[in-house]
Structure formats: structure tokens, C-alpha cells
Protein backbone atom coordinates (compact mmCIF):
# COMPACT_ATOMS: atom_id res chain seq x y z
CA PRO A 1 0.23 -0.13 -0.14
CA PRO A 2 1.13 3.59 -0.37
CA LEU A 3 1.89 3.95 3.81
CA ASP A 4 4.20 0.93 3.09
CA TRP A 5 5.77 2.91 0.45
CA LEU A 6 5.92 6.14 2.55
CA LEU A 7 7.37 4.54 5.62
CA TRP A 8 9.96 3.18 3.86
CA LEU A 9 11.37 6.01 1.77
CA HIS A 10 11.28 7.99 5.11
CA THR A 11 13.01 4.94 7.36
CA PRO A 12 16.39 5.71 5.51
CA MET A 13 16.46 9.49 6.31
CA PRO A 14 17.00 9.37 10.13
CA PRO A 15 20.14 7.45 9.88
CA PHE A 16 21.79 9.83 7.43
CA LEU A 17 20.81 12.43 10.00
CA ALA A 18 21.32 10.45 13.36
CA TRP A 19 25.49 9.83 12.24
CA PRO A 20 26.11 13.57 12.06
CA ALA A 21 24.11 14.06 15.44
CA ALA A 22 26.25 11.50 17.16
CA ARG A 23 29.32 12.53 15.60
CA ILE A 24 29.50 16.38 16.35
CA LEU A 25 28.20 15.61 20.24
CA GLY A 26 31.34 14.07 20.24
CA CYS A 27 30.46 10.27 19.92
CA SER A 28 32.94 7.46 19.07
CA PRO A 29 32.20 5.98 15.87
CA PRO A 30 30.24 2.77 17.14
CA ALA A 31 27.76 5.19 19.03
CA PRO A 32 26.81 7.16 15.77
CA ALA A 33 26.58 3.88 14.02
CA VAL A 34 23.95 2.42 16.96
CA ALA A 35 22.22 5.82 16.40
CA ALA A 36 22.02 5.26 12.36
CA VAL A 37 20.18 2.03 12.58
CA GLY A 38 18.48 2.09 16.25
CA PHE A 39 16.90 5.52 16.11
CA PRO A 40 15.12 4.79 12.51
CA LEU A 41 14.28 1.14 13.17
CA THR A 42 12.77 2.04 16.63
CA ALA A 43 10.62 4.74 15.66
CA TRP A 44 9.47 2.18 12.55
CA MET A 45 8.63 -0.36 14.76
CA TYR A 46 6.71 1.44 17.43
CA THR A 47 4.92 3.57 14.65
CA ARG A 48 4.26 0.92 11.73
CA TRP A 49 1.07 -0.11 13.08
CA HIS A 50 -0.02 2.51 15.22
CA LEU A 51 0.62 6.18 13.80
CA PRO A 52 3.30 5.85 11.05
CA HIS A 53 3.08 9.85 10.42
CA ILE A 54 5.23 10.33 14.05
CA GLN A 55 7.71 8.20 11.99
CA TYR A 56 7.46 10.76 9.18
CA THR A 57 7.68 13.50 11.87
CA THR A 58 10.48 12.23 14.07
CA ALA A 59 12.51 11.21 11.17
CA TRP A 60 13.82 15.07 11.11
CA TRP A 61 14.43 15.19 14.80
CA PRO A 62 18.27 14.43 14.71
CA GLY A 63 18.81 17.17 12.19
CA LEU A 64 17.22 19.86 15.02
CA VAL A 65 19.88 18.59 17.48
CA VAL A 66 22.59 19.18 15.16
CA ALA A 67 21.41 22.55 14.25
CA ALA A 68 21.10 23.38 18.33
CA GLU A 69 24.72 21.90 18.79
CA ARG A 70 25.92 24.36 16.11
CA LEU A 71 23.92 27.24 17.69
CA GLY A 72 26.05 26.48 20.54
CA ARG A 73 29.27 26.08 18.43
CA GLY A 74 28.80 29.64 17.06
CA GLN A 75 27.81 28.61 13.87
CA LEU A 76 24.82 30.73 13.76
CA VAL A 77 24.12 31.09 10.07
CA ARG A 78 24.37 27.69 9.64
CA GLY A 79 22.51 26.56 12.46
CA ALA A 80 19.50 29.02 11.70
CA ALA A 81 19.63 27.23 8.06
CA GLU A 82 19.67 23.69 9.01
CA GLY A 83 17.25 24.13 11.64
CA GLY A 84 14.89 25.92 9.83
CA LEU A 85 15.11 23.73 6.87
CA PHE A 86 14.42 20.76 9.09
CA LEU A 87 11.83 22.35 11.45
CA GLY A 88 9.84 22.99 8.21
CA LEU A 89 10.10 19.46 7.30
CA VAL A 90 9.23 18.13 10.25
CA LEU A 91 5.91 20.49 10.42
CA LEU A 92 5.36 19.42 6.64
CA SER A 93 6.15 15.66 6.99
CA GLY A 94 3.27 14.00 9.52
CA PHE A 95 1.24 15.28 12.56
CA PRO A 96 1.40 19.04 13.23
CA GLN A 97 1.04 18.16 16.89
CA VAL A 98 3.86 16.16 17.09
CA GLY A 99 6.26 19.00 14.96
CA MET A 100 5.31 21.30 17.65
CA ALA A 101 6.49 19.12 20.15
CA LEU A 102 9.82 18.78 18.50
CA ALA A 103 10.05 22.39 17.83
CA ALA A 104 9.33 22.70 21.59
CA GLY A 105 12.03 20.30 22.32
CA PHE A 106 14.31 22.18 20.11
CA ALA A 107 13.89 25.39 21.50
CA LEU A 108 14.34 23.81 25.11
CA LEU A 109 17.82 22.31 23.93
CA VAL A 110 18.56 25.93 23.50
CA LEU A 111 17.25 27.63 26.56
CA LEU A 112 19.09 24.62 28.57
CA ARG A 113 22.47 24.97 27.34
CA LYS A 114 24.55 27.61 28.86
CA ALA A 115 26.08 27.83 25.01
CA THR A 116 23.05 28.57 23.78
CA ARG A 117 21.73 31.18 26.18
CA THR A 118 23.77 33.90 24.31
CA ARG A 119 21.73 37.09 22.59
CA PRO A 120 23.06 35.62 19.34
CA ALA A 121 22.30 32.20 19.66
CA LEU A 122 18.75 33.10 21.24
CA LEU A 123 18.11 34.85 18.00
CA ALA A 124 19.44 32.28 16.02
CA ALA A 125 17.23 29.81 17.57
CA ALA A 126 14.02 32.25 17.24
CA GLY A 127 14.95 32.46 13.38
CA VAL A 128 15.00 28.70 13.17
CA LEU A 129 11.69 28.69 14.55
CA ALA A 130 10.45 31.59 12.51
CA LEU A 131 12.14 29.87 9.11
CA GLY A 132 10.45 26.61 9.78
CA VAL A 133 6.95 28.07 10.35
CA ALA A 134 7.23 30.01 7.42
CA LEU A 135 8.21 26.91 5.13
CA ALA A 136 5.67 24.99 6.16
CA LEU A 137 2.90 27.66 6.82
CA PRO A 138 1.11 27.46 3.56
CA GLN A 139 0.64 23.79 3.90
CA LEU A 140 -0.35 24.46 7.39
CA VAL A 141 -3.34 26.80 5.99
CA VAL A 142 -4.35 24.50 3.43
CA SER A 143 -4.58 21.41 6.08
CA SER A 144 -6.36 23.70 8.76
CA ALA A 145 -9.29 24.69 6.34
CA ALA A 146 -9.57 21.20 5.90
CA PHE A 147 -10.27 20.04 9.08
CA LYS A 148 -13.66 21.78 8.84
CA GLU A 149 -14.93 19.18 6.16
CA SER A 150 -12.97 16.11 7.61
CA LEU A 151 -15.02 13.91 9.55
CA ARG A 152 -13.02 14.60 12.98
CA SER A 153 -14.84 17.31 12.90
CA SER A 154 -18.28 16.42 13.79
CA ASP A 155 -19.53 15.95 17.27
CA THR A 156 -20.42 12.41 16.40
CA THR A 157 -16.93 11.17 15.80
CA ARG A 158 -15.73 13.42 18.95
CA GLN A 159 -18.01 11.79 21.22
CA ALA A 160 -17.38 8.45 19.78
CA THR A 161 -13.60 9.57 20.26
CA SER A 162 -13.72 10.31 23.59
CA ARG A 163 -15.76 7.35 24.81
CA HIS A 164 -12.61 5.00 24.09
CA GLY A 165 -10.19 7.03 25.92
CA LEU A 166 -8.56 5.60 28.99
CA ARG A 167 -8.64 6.60 32.58
CA PRO A 168 -5.44 8.72 33.66
CA GLY A 169 -4.68 5.85 35.98
CA ALA A 170 -4.31 3.45 33.43
CA LEU A 171 -1.06 4.57 32.31
CA ALA A 172 0.32 4.23 35.82
CA ALA A 173 -0.91 0.93 36.33
CA ALA A 174 0.27 -0.38 32.90
CA VAL A 175 3.74 1.09 34.21
CA PHE A 176 3.60 -0.07 37.64
CA PRO A 177 1.59 -3.47 37.84
């Protein structure tokens, strides 16, 4: 099916991004190799039958990690350009909610590091967020307008979905049986 083709096209991308992410963080060669294989296969395995669109979105996360590291090293223009590109791809690839969570993760990475809490790095990080949203905005506007026409926007669907939810204690029961 077309969904399987999309998964297979997105799965090879993370190894090409996870390798430089691990290398730029200072890992020795075996660690990037494990990251290059483990990151995409783990995402593929847990999203294959649940939500493959999460795989499409998370495929670009290592690119954001590298961009945050570049900002910390003072490579502001390259970090902003790469980060904006990868954030745009994140927002265009799957569920916008997952993309927004990864954008927040990028912002948190920048805010947590002393090297990136400088004015120039923070401005470059803001540029990453602005560029990424600007790249994805035309499609996000179209997708948002399409929601009104979707089955998910009806009251009947929302009520049926709410009845399928889990009790808040269900997660704790699963983790601590």
C-alpha cells in the first residue's frame, strides 16, 4: 500500500541524520553507527501499526539536534539555516502536533545549554522557529482549512472518540502493575 511506501521512504532518512548528530556531539564511531541504525528502526517498529505519520515527523529530529549543537558552537548562520529547513520538514511531514512538540524540544535544548543562552544564539534559534514555520505555513493553512470538512470535526466523531479514552490511572497501572 502507499502507506508502506511512505514508511520505507522515510525510514532511510534518519540514519543519514543520526550519524552526524552523534558525531557532532562527540561520540566515537560505534555510537553513531548504533544511533544510525537504532533511531529509525525503533521509530519504525513502534509506529508501524499505530501512527506511521509520527515516523515521518520524527525522522527529522536528529537534524534539529545538530542545528542546536551548531548554535552552541557559534555556527549561527549554518545552524539557523539547517534548523529552519529541518523544522519546516518536521512540520510538513506528519501530524502538526508532533511537529510542535519537536519544535518545543528544540527550543528546550537551546534554553538548557549555557552555550546557547547568549543573545546571538537565542536570536538564531528564534530564526530557526520562524523559518521552519514560514516554510510549512502554506501547507498548514490548507490542512487547517480542510479540518472543517473532515469527519473528525463532527460532534458524533468527537463523542465516539472521547468514549474510547483511557482513565488517567491506566497508564500508571500499565507502568506499575
